[in-house]
Amino acid sequence: MALKGVWQLKKLVVSYCNWGGSNRGIRAFMDSESPALIEKNPQLEVVTALSRGQHPYLKGEYQMKGWCVMCVKNMDTEEVLLNATRLRNSLGRKVVKLRTRHVTKYPSVQGILTTTVIL
């Protein structure tokens, strides 16, 4: 996802094994879908890492010094592509639950505006 016109995902690391059975879908993804993904996203650096005897994963490294890892074990080509696009579309931040519905830098001196009228 772009934040202020800048894509946040800068590197996508594709780690897989060339002989494991759980890596079948990601090997097919590297043959068929990966060139189209690289062509559609010129701002993205795609790096492949061969790690023998390990389950496959996608690791996204973001501009704001964040990273996210998704396991793609036993997934087919479409699911691997879906996870790669999810990594591309995310901001790379952790999800934080807000304590209040209204977040402001300068809270109101008059109090919170309500629609109920007390007479």
Protein backbone atom coordinates (compact mmCIF):
# COMPACT_ATOMS: atom_id res chain seq x y z
CA MET A 1 0.00 0.00 0.00
CA ALA A 2 1.18 3.48 -0.70
CA LEU A 3 1.42 5.93 2.17
CA LYS A 4 1.65 9.52 0.90
CA GLY A 5 2.46 8.21 -2.58
CA VAL A 6 5.34 5.95 -1.47
CA TRP A 7 5.03 2.17 -1.62
CA GLN A 8 5.84 0.76 1.81
CA LEU A 9 6.99 -2.73 0.77
CA LYS A 10 10.53 -2.46 -0.54
CA LYS A 11 11.70 -6.09 -0.58
CA LEU A 12 9.92 -9.42 -0.90
CA VAL A 13 12.01 -12.45 0.08
CA VAL A 14 10.76 -15.78 -1.27
CA SER A 15 12.34 -18.66 0.64
CA TYR A 16 11.76 -22.23 -0.53
CA CYS A 17 13.30 -25.68 -0.86
CA ASN A 18 13.84 -27.23 -4.28
CA TRP A 19 12.88 -30.80 -3.31
CA GLY A 20 10.39 -30.68 -0.41
CA GLY A 21 6.76 -31.67 -0.90
CA SER A 22 5.35 -28.69 1.00
CA ASN A 23 7.16 -26.39 -1.45
CA ARG A 24 5.30 -27.60 -4.55
CA GLY A 25 2.99 -24.58 -4.75
CA ILE A 26 5.71 -21.98 -4.32
CA ARG A 27 7.89 -23.65 -6.96
CA ALA A 28 4.97 -23.44 -9.40
CA PHE A 29 4.49 -19.80 -8.32
CA MET A 30 8.14 -19.03 -9.12
CA ASP A 31 7.75 -20.55 -12.59
CA SER A 32 4.40 -19.06 -13.60
CA GLU A 33 3.23 -16.11 -11.48
CA SER A 34 6.45 -14.52 -10.22
CA PRO A 35 7.54 -12.90 -13.54
CA ALA A 36 4.13 -11.22 -13.88
CA LEU A 37 4.29 -10.00 -10.27
CA ILE A 38 7.75 -8.52 -10.84
CA GLU A 39 6.63 -6.86 -14.07
CA LYS A 40 3.53 -5.29 -12.47
CA ASN A 41 5.48 -3.99 -9.46
CA PRO A 42 8.72 -2.33 -10.61
CA GLN A 43 9.18 -0.63 -7.21
CA LEU A 44 9.43 -4.04 -5.54
CA GLU A 45 12.70 -5.93 -5.15
CA VAL A 46 12.04 -9.69 -5.23
CA VAL A 47 14.77 -11.91 -3.79
CA THR A 48 14.72 -15.70 -3.82
CA ALA A 49 16.45 -17.65 -1.09
CA LEU A 50 17.03 -21.39 -1.29
CA SER A 51 16.77 -22.96 2.16
CA ARG A 52 16.90 -26.74 1.92
CA GLY A 53 14.80 -28.84 4.24
CA GLN A 54 12.65 -25.89 5.42
CA HIS A 55 9.03 -24.96 4.81
CA PRO A 56 8.48 -22.08 2.37
CA TYR A 57 7.68 -18.54 3.49
CA LEU A 58 7.31 -15.02 2.14
CA LYS A 59 9.01 -12.23 4.05
CA GLY A 60 8.17 -8.60 3.38
CA GLU A 61 10.57 -5.84 4.43
CA TYR A 62 9.03 -2.38 4.70
CA GLN A 63 10.26 1.22 4.57
CA MET A 64 9.60 1.90 8.26
CA LYS A 65 12.07 -0.80 9.46
CA GLY A 66 9.30 -3.35 9.82
CA TRP A 67 8.92 -6.85 8.45
CA CYS A 68 6.22 -9.49 8.17
CA VAL A 69 6.59 -13.22 7.52
CA MET A 70 3.86 -15.43 6.00
CA CYS A 71 4.15 -19.20 5.88
CA VAL A 72 3.00 -20.62 2.53
CA LYS A 73 3.36 -24.30 3.38
CA ASN A 74 1.20 -26.62 1.24
CA MET A 75 -0.47 -23.72 -0.61
CA ASP A 76 -1.20 -23.68 -4.30
CA THR A 77 -0.12 -20.97 -6.76
CA GLU A 78 -3.18 -18.75 -6.34
CA GLU A 79 -2.92 -18.72 -2.54
CA VAL A 80 0.79 -17.85 -2.71
CA LEU A 81 -0.01 -14.98 -5.09
CA LEU A 82 -2.78 -13.82 -2.75
CA ASN A 83 -0.37 -13.76 0.21
CA ALA A 84 2.24 -11.88 -1.84
CA THR A 85 -0.31 -9.22 -2.75
CA ARG A 86 -1.43 -9.00 0.89
CA LEU A 87 2.15 -8.28 1.88
CA ARG A 88 2.39 -5.65 -0.87
CA ASN A 89 -0.86 -3.97 0.19
CA SER A 90 -0.11 -3.80 3.90
CA LEU A 91 1.72 -0.96 5.62
CA GLY A 92 4.01 -3.15 7.69
CA ARG A 93 2.80 -1.84 11.02
CA LYS A 94 1.44 -3.85 13.90
CA VAL A 95 -2.30 -3.57 14.53
CA VAL A 96 -2.93 -1.50 17.65
CA LYS A 97 -6.30 -1.38 19.33
CA LEU A 98 -7.36 2.18 20.11
CA ARG A 99 -8.49 2.89 23.65
CA THR A 100 -10.99 5.55 22.60
CA ARG A 101 -12.95 6.09 19.43
CA HIS A 102 -11.71 9.65 19.09
CA VAL A 103 -7.97 10.25 18.99
CA THR A 104 -6.77 13.84 18.96
CA LYS A 105 -3.60 15.70 19.72
CA TYR A 106 -5.47 18.56 21.40
CA PRO A 107 -8.47 17.35 23.42
CA SER A 108 -11.44 19.67 23.76
CA VAL A 109 -11.61 21.94 26.78
CA GLN A 110 -15.41 21.95 26.65
CA GLY A 111 -15.72 18.18 26.87
CA ILE A 112 -17.00 15.51 24.52
CA LEU A 113 -19.87 16.53 22.25
CA THR A 114 -22.97 14.40 22.79
CA THR A 115 -26.32 14.44 21.04
CA THR A 116 -28.40 14.02 24.19
CA VAL A 117 -29.77 17.20 25.74
CA ILE A 118 -29.87 17.41 29.50
CA LEU A 119 -32.33 20.01 30.83
